Amino acid sequence: MPDASVTIYHNPACGTSRNTLAAIRAAGIEPTVVEYLKDGWTKPQLKALLKKLGLTARDVMRIQGTPAEELKLTDPKTTEDEIIDAMVGHPILVQRPIVVTPEGAVVARPMEKALEIL
């Protein structure tokens, strides 16, 4: 698999994200690393990523250590678009790491999920 075909949406402060990146590199692949907390998200980018994952924004929303509850994103009445808009404004709301390859896309929690699509 060509290195450029693997992307990891990475948070270097997260142990699972660091371990996943190390496992990808141990497999002989140098992925494209997107530090999404620095780079941020766009709404079209998030929508495309969610489609690849086959998940909703609520499915990939991180609650612990984020402003999700104070933004009322955990309320069942909050819409998909409202959650995505919040994720654009607060990138930390997106669970990490996310790995995308030609074989698919996964939220790599646990990190072994990423190995399934390498």
N, C-alpha and C. Protein backbone atom coordinates (compact mmCIF):
# COMPACT_ATOMS: atom_id res chain seq x y z
N MET A 1 0.85 -1.18 0.00
CA MET A 1 0.00 0.00 0.00
C MET A 1 0.90 1.24 0.00
N PRO A 2 0.70 2.14 -0.97
CA PRO A 2 1.52 3.36 -0.99
C PRO A 2 1.29 4.20 0.27
N ASP A 3 2.38 4.75 0.79
CA ASP A 3 2.30 5.54 2.03
C ASP A 3 1.27 6.66 1.94
N ALA A 4 1.22 7.35 0.81
CA ALA A 4 0.34 8.51 0.67
C ALA A 4 -1.14 8.14 0.74
N SER A 5 -1.44 6.85 0.65
CA SER A 5 -2.84 6.45 0.67
C SER A 5 -3.38 6.20 2.07
N VAL A 6 -2.53 6.41 3.09
CA VAL A 6 -2.95 6.24 4.48
C VAL A 6 -2.89 7.60 5.18
N THR A 7 -3.99 7.95 5.80
CA THR A 7 -4.06 9.21 6.55
C THR A 7 -4.50 8.91 7.97
N ILE A 8 -3.85 9.55 8.92
CA ILE A 8 -4.27 9.46 10.32
C ILE A 8 -4.60 10.86 10.81
N TYR A 9 -5.81 11.01 11.34
CA TYR A 9 -6.21 12.25 12.00
C TYR A 9 -5.78 12.07 13.44
N HIS A 10 -4.76 12.80 13.82
CA HIS A 10 -3.94 12.50 14.98
C HIS A 10 -3.96 13.62 16.01
N ASN A 11 -3.97 13.20 17.28
CA ASN A 11 -3.79 14.13 18.40
C ASN A 11 -2.56 13.64 19.15
N PRO A 12 -1.43 14.34 19.03
CA PRO A 12 -0.19 13.86 19.66
C PRO A 12 -0.26 13.80 21.18
N ALA A 13 -1.25 14.44 21.80
CA ALA A 13 -1.39 14.38 23.25
C ALA A 13 -2.12 13.11 23.70
N CYS A 14 -2.65 12.35 22.76
CA CYS A 14 -3.43 11.14 23.08
C CYS A 14 -2.57 9.89 22.91
N GLY A 15 -2.50 9.09 23.97
CA GLY A 15 -1.71 7.86 23.93
C GLY A 15 -2.18 6.90 22.86
N THR A 16 -3.48 6.72 22.71
CA THR A 16 -4.01 5.81 21.69
C THR A 16 -3.62 6.31 20.30
N SER A 17 -3.69 7.60 20.10
CA SER A 17 -3.32 8.18 18.80
C SER A 17 -1.82 7.97 18.53
N ARG A 18 -0.99 8.23 19.52
CA ARG A 18 0.46 8.02 19.35
C ARG A 18 0.77 6.55 19.07
N ASN A 19 0.12 5.64 19.81
CA ASN A 19 0.36 4.21 19.60
C ASN A 19 -0.11 3.75 18.23
N THR A 20 -1.23 4.30 17.77
CA THR A 20 -1.74 3.94 16.45
C THR A 20 -0.77 4.41 15.37
N LEU A 21 -0.29 5.63 15.49
CA LEU A 21 0.69 6.14 14.53
C LEU A 21 1.94 5.27 14.52
N ALA A 22 2.41 4.88 15.70
CA ALA A 22 3.59 4.02 15.79
C ALA A 22 3.34 2.67 15.14
N ALA A 23 2.15 2.10 15.31
CA ALA A 23 1.82 0.81 14.72
C ALA A 23 1.77 0.90 13.19
N ILE A 24 1.25 2.00 12.67
CA ILE A 24 1.21 2.19 11.21
C ILE A 24 2.63 2.26 10.68
N ARG A 25 3.46 3.02 11.37
CA ARG A 25 4.87 3.14 10.94
C ARG A 25 5.61 1.81 11.08
N ALA A 26 5.28 1.06 12.12
CA ALA A 26 5.91 -0.27 12.31
C ALA A 26 5.52 -1.22 11.18
N ALA A 27 4.39 -0.97 10.55
CA ALA A 27 3.95 -1.78 9.41
C ALA A 27 4.65 -1.34 8.13
N GLY A 28 5.57 -0.38 8.24
CA GLY A 28 6.33 0.07 7.10
C GLY A 28 5.66 1.16 6.28
N ILE A 29 4.68 1.82 6.87
CA ILE A 29 3.93 2.86 6.17
C ILE A 29 4.17 4.20 6.85
N GLU A 30 4.50 5.20 6.05
CA GLU A 30 4.60 6.56 6.57
C GLU A 30 3.34 7.30 6.12
N PRO A 31 2.36 7.43 7.03
CA PRO A 31 1.08 8.02 6.64
C PRO A 31 1.13 9.54 6.56
N THR A 32 0.11 10.08 5.94
CA THR A 32 -0.13 11.52 6.03
C THR A 32 -0.70 11.75 7.42
N VAL A 33 -0.07 12.62 8.18
CA VAL A 33 -0.50 12.89 9.55
C VAL A 33 -1.19 14.25 9.58
N VAL A 34 -2.46 14.24 9.97
CA VAL A 34 -3.22 15.48 10.08
C VAL A 34 -3.45 15.75 11.56
N GLU A 35 -2.81 16.78 12.07
CA GLU A 35 -3.03 17.16 13.46
C GLU A 35 -4.26 18.06 13.48
N TYR A 36 -5.41 17.42 13.59
CA TYR A 36 -6.68 18.12 13.42
C TYR A 36 -6.94 19.20 14.47
N LEU A 37 -6.30 19.12 15.63
CA LEU A 37 -6.48 20.19 16.62
C LEU A 37 -5.81 21.48 16.13
N LYS A 38 -4.73 21.36 15.37
CA LYS A 38 -4.05 22.53 14.80
C LYS A 38 -4.71 22.97 13.50
N ASP A 39 -4.98 21.98 12.64
CA ASP A 39 -5.48 22.27 11.29
C ASP A 39 -6.97 22.57 11.27
N GLY A 40 -7.71 22.04 12.24
CA GLY A 40 -9.15 22.21 12.28
C GLY A 40 -9.86 21.35 11.25
N TRP A 41 -11.15 21.52 11.18
CA TRP A 41 -12.00 20.79 10.25
C TRP A 41 -12.81 21.79 9.43
N THR A 42 -13.23 21.35 8.26
CA THR A 42 -14.25 22.08 7.52
C THR A 42 -15.50 21.21 7.55
N LYS A 43 -16.63 21.82 7.35
CA LYS A 43 -17.88 21.06 7.35
C LYS A 43 -17.89 20.02 6.22
N PRO A 44 -17.51 20.38 4.99
CA PRO A 44 -17.48 19.36 3.93
C PRO A 44 -16.50 18.22 4.23
N GLN A 45 -15.36 18.57 4.81
CA GLN A 45 -14.37 17.55 5.16
C GLN A 45 -14.94 16.57 6.18
N LEU A 46 -15.57 17.10 7.22
CA LEU A 46 -16.16 16.22 8.24
C LEU A 46 -17.28 15.36 7.66
N LYS A 47 -18.12 15.94 6.83
CA LYS A 47 -19.21 15.16 6.24
C LYS A 47 -18.67 14.03 5.38
N ALA A 48 -17.63 14.30 4.60
CA ALA A 48 -17.02 13.27 3.76
C ALA A 48 -16.38 12.18 4.62
N LEU A 49 -15.72 12.59 5.69
CA LEU A 49 -15.08 11.63 6.58
C LEU A 49 -16.12 10.75 7.27
N LEU A 50 -17.21 11.35 7.73
CA LEU A 50 -18.29 10.58 8.36
C LEU A 50 -18.88 9.57 7.39
N LYS A 51 -19.02 9.98 6.13
CA LYS A 51 -19.54 9.07 5.11
C LYS A 51 -18.60 7.87 4.93
N LYS A 52 -17.28 8.14 4.86
CA LYS A 52 -16.30 7.04 4.74
C LYS A 52 -16.37 6.11 5.95
N LEU A 53 -16.55 6.70 7.13
CA LEU A 53 -16.62 5.90 8.36
C LEU A 53 -17.94 5.14 8.46
N GLY A 54 -18.97 5.63 7.78
CA GLY A 54 -20.29 5.04 7.92
C GLY A 54 -20.90 5.32 9.29
N LEU A 55 -20.53 6.48 9.84
CA LEU A 55 -20.97 6.87 11.19
C LEU A 55 -21.60 8.25 11.16
N THR A 56 -22.30 8.58 12.24
CA THR A 56 -22.86 9.92 12.39
C THR A 56 -21.89 10.77 13.21
N ALA A 57 -22.14 12.06 13.20
CA ALA A 57 -21.33 12.97 14.03
C ALA A 57 -21.48 12.59 15.50
N ARG A 58 -22.69 12.21 15.90
CA ARG A 58 -22.90 11.80 17.30
C ARG A 58 -22.05 10.56 17.63
N ASP A 59 -21.90 9.66 16.65
CA ASP A 59 -21.10 8.44 16.86
C ASP A 59 -19.63 8.75 17.15
N VAL A 60 -19.10 9.80 16.52
CA VAL A 60 -17.67 10.11 16.69
C VAL A 60 -17.43 11.28 17.64
N MET A 61 -18.48 11.73 18.29
CA MET A 61 -18.33 12.86 19.20
C MET A 61 -17.65 12.41 20.50
N ARG A 62 -16.61 13.14 20.83
CA ARG A 62 -15.92 12.90 22.10
C ARG A 62 -16.57 13.79 23.16
N ILE A 63 -16.85 13.21 24.31
CA ILE A 63 -17.51 13.97 25.37
C ILE A 63 -16.54 14.32 26.48
N GLN A 64 -15.79 13.31 26.94
CA GLN A 64 -14.85 13.52 28.04
C GLN A 64 -13.76 14.51 27.63
N GLY A 65 -13.55 15.51 28.46
CA GLY A 65 -12.49 16.49 28.21
C GLY A 65 -12.82 17.47 27.10
N THR A 66 -14.11 17.61 26.78
CA THR A 66 -14.53 18.52 25.72
C THR A 66 -15.69 19.38 26.22
N PRO A 67 -16.06 20.39 25.44
CA PRO A 67 -17.22 21.21 25.83
C PRO A 67 -18.56 20.63 25.35
N ALA A 68 -18.63 19.36 25.01
CA ALA A 68 -19.85 18.76 24.45
C ALA A 68 -21.08 18.99 25.32
N GLU A 69 -20.96 18.76 26.61
CA GLU A 69 -22.13 18.90 27.48
C GLU A 69 -22.53 20.36 27.65
N GLU A 70 -21.56 21.24 27.83
CA GLU A 70 -21.92 22.66 28.00
C GLU A 70 -22.50 23.24 26.72
N LEU A 71 -22.16 22.68 25.56
CA LEU A 71 -22.74 23.11 24.29
C LEU A 71 -24.07 22.40 24.01
N LYS A 72 -24.49 21.55 24.94
CA LYS A 72 -25.75 20.80 24.84
C LYS A 72 -25.78 19.83 23.66
N LEU A 73 -24.60 19.35 23.27
CA LEU A 73 -24.51 18.43 22.15
C LEU A 73 -24.95 17.02 22.52
N THR A 74 -25.01 16.72 23.80
CA THR A 74 -25.45 15.40 24.23
C THR A 74 -26.98 15.30 24.29
N ASP A 75 -27.66 16.43 24.11
CA ASP A 75 -29.12 16.44 24.08
C ASP A 75 -29.57 15.69 22.83
N PRO A 76 -30.46 14.70 22.97
CA PRO A 76 -30.93 13.94 21.81
C PRO A 76 -31.58 14.80 20.72
N LYS A 77 -32.02 16.00 21.08
CA LYS A 77 -32.66 16.88 20.10
C LYS A 77 -31.65 17.63 19.24
N THR A 78 -30.38 17.58 19.62
CA THR A 78 -29.35 18.27 18.84
C THR A 78 -29.20 17.56 17.50
N THR A 79 -29.22 18.34 16.43
CA THR A 79 -29.18 17.76 15.09
C THR A 79 -27.75 17.41 14.66
N GLU A 80 -27.65 16.60 13.62
CA GLU A 80 -26.37 16.24 13.02
C GLU A 80 -25.62 17.50 12.58
N ASP A 81 -26.31 18.40 11.90
CA ASP A 81 -25.66 19.62 11.44
C ASP A 81 -25.16 20.48 12.61
N GLU A 82 -25.92 20.54 13.68
CA GLU A 82 -25.48 21.31 14.86
C GLU A 82 -24.22 20.70 15.46
N ILE A 83 -24.17 19.37 15.51
CA ILE A 83 -22.97 18.71 16.05
C ILE A 83 -21.78 18.95 15.13
N ILE A 84 -21.98 18.83 13.82
CA ILE A 84 -20.87 19.06 12.88
C ILE A 84 -20.39 20.50 12.97
N ASP A 85 -21.31 21.45 13.06
CA ASP A 85 -20.91 22.85 13.22
C ASP A 85 -20.08 23.05 14.48
N ALA A 86 -20.48 22.39 15.56
CA ALA A 86 -19.72 22.49 16.81
C ALA A 86 -18.34 21.86 16.66
N MET A 87 -18.25 20.77 15.92
CA MET A 87 -16.96 20.11 15.69
C MET A 87 -16.02 21.00 14.88
N VAL A 88 -16.59 21.75 13.94
CA VAL A 88 -15.77 22.69 13.17
C VAL A 88 -15.22 23.77 14.10
N GLY A 89 -16.05 24.24 15.02
CA GLY A 89 -15.62 25.27 15.96
C GLY A 89 -14.75 24.76 17.10
N HIS A 90 -14.91 23.49 17.42
CA HIS A 90 -14.17 22.87 18.53
C HIS A 90 -13.66 21.50 18.07
N PRO A 91 -12.53 21.45 17.36
CA PRO A 91 -12.03 20.19 16.80
C PRO A 91 -11.85 19.08 17.83
N ILE A 92 -11.65 19.42 19.09
CA ILE A 92 -11.47 18.43 20.15
C ILE A 92 -12.70 17.54 20.31
N LEU A 93 -13.83 17.96 19.77
CA LEU A 93 -15.07 17.18 19.90
C LEU A 93 -15.05 15.90 19.07
N VAL A 94 -14.07 15.77 18.16
CA VAL A 94 -14.01 14.58 17.31
C VAL A 94 -13.11 13.54 17.96
N GLN A 95 -13.66 12.33 18.08
CA GLN A 95 -12.91 11.20 18.66
C GLN A 95 -11.66 10.95 17.82
N ARG A 96 -10.62 10.48 18.45
CA ARG A 96 -9.37 10.22 17.75
C ARG A 96 -8.76 8.91 18.20
N PRO A 97 -7.85 8.38 17.40
CA PRO A 97 -7.48 8.78 16.06
C PRO A 97 -8.45 8.19 15.03
N ILE A 98 -8.49 8.82 13.87
CA ILE A 98 -9.24 8.28 12.75
C ILE A 98 -8.21 7.94 11.68
N VAL A 99 -8.32 6.73 11.15
CA VAL A 99 -7.39 6.27 10.12
C VAL A 99 -8.19 5.98 8.86
N VAL A 100 -7.67 6.48 7.74
CA VAL A 100 -8.31 6.27 6.44
C VAL A 100 -7.30 5.64 5.50
N THR A 101 -7.70 4.54 4.86
CA THR A 101 -6.88 3.84 3.87
C THR A 101 -7.78 3.49 2.69
N PRO A 102 -7.21 2.96 1.61
CA PRO A 102 -8.07 2.50 0.50
C PRO A 102 -9.02 1.36 0.93
N GLU A 103 -8.70 0.71 2.03
CA GLU A 103 -9.53 -0.40 2.53
C GLU A 103 -10.69 0.07 3.40
N GLY A 104 -10.70 1.36 3.75
CA GLY A 104 -11.78 1.86 4.58
C GLY A 104 -11.31 2.92 5.56
N ALA A 105 -12.17 3.22 6.51
CA ALA A 105 -11.87 4.24 7.52
C ALA A 105 -12.41 3.74 8.85
N VAL A 106 -11.66 4.02 9.92
CA VAL A 106 -12.07 3.61 11.26
C VAL A 106 -11.68 4.65 12.29
N VAL A 107 -12.47 4.69 13.36
CA VAL A 107 -12.03 5.36 14.57
C VAL A 107 -11.22 4.28 15.29
N ALA A 108 -9.94 4.51 15.42
CA ALA A 108 -9.02 3.47 15.90
C ALA A 108 -8.99 3.40 17.43
N ARG A 109 -10.11 3.07 18.01
CA ARG A 109 -10.24 2.85 19.45
C ARG A 109 -10.94 1.52 19.62
N PRO A 110 -10.28 0.47 19.94
CA PRO A 110 -8.84 0.38 20.22
C PRO A 110 -8.01 0.50 18.94
N MET A 111 -6.73 0.76 19.14
CA MET A 111 -5.83 1.02 17.99
C MET A 111 -5.76 -0.15 17.01
N GLU A 112 -6.05 -1.36 17.49
CA GLU A 112 -5.98 -2.53 16.61
C GLU A 112 -6.95 -2.42 15.43
N LYS A 113 -7.99 -1.61 15.58
CA LYS A 113 -8.93 -1.41 14.47
C LYS A 113 -8.22 -0.87 13.25
N ALA A 114 -7.21 -0.04 13.46
CA ALA A 114 -6.48 0.53 12.33
C ALA A 114 -5.73 -0.55 11.57
N LEU A 115 -5.21 -1.53 12.27
CA LEU A 115 -4.45 -2.59 11.62
C LEU A 115 -5.33 -3.41 10.68
N GLU A 116 -6.62 -3.46 10.95
CA GLU A 116 -7.55 -4.22 10.12
C GLU A 116 -7.70 -3.63 8.73
N ILE A 117 -7.39 -2.36 8.54
CA ILE A 117 -7.57 -1.73 7.24
C ILE A 117 -6.26 -1.33 6.57
N LEU A 118 -5.14 -1.76 7.13
CA LEU A 118 -3.84 -1.45 6.49
C LEU A 118 -3.57 -2.44 5.37
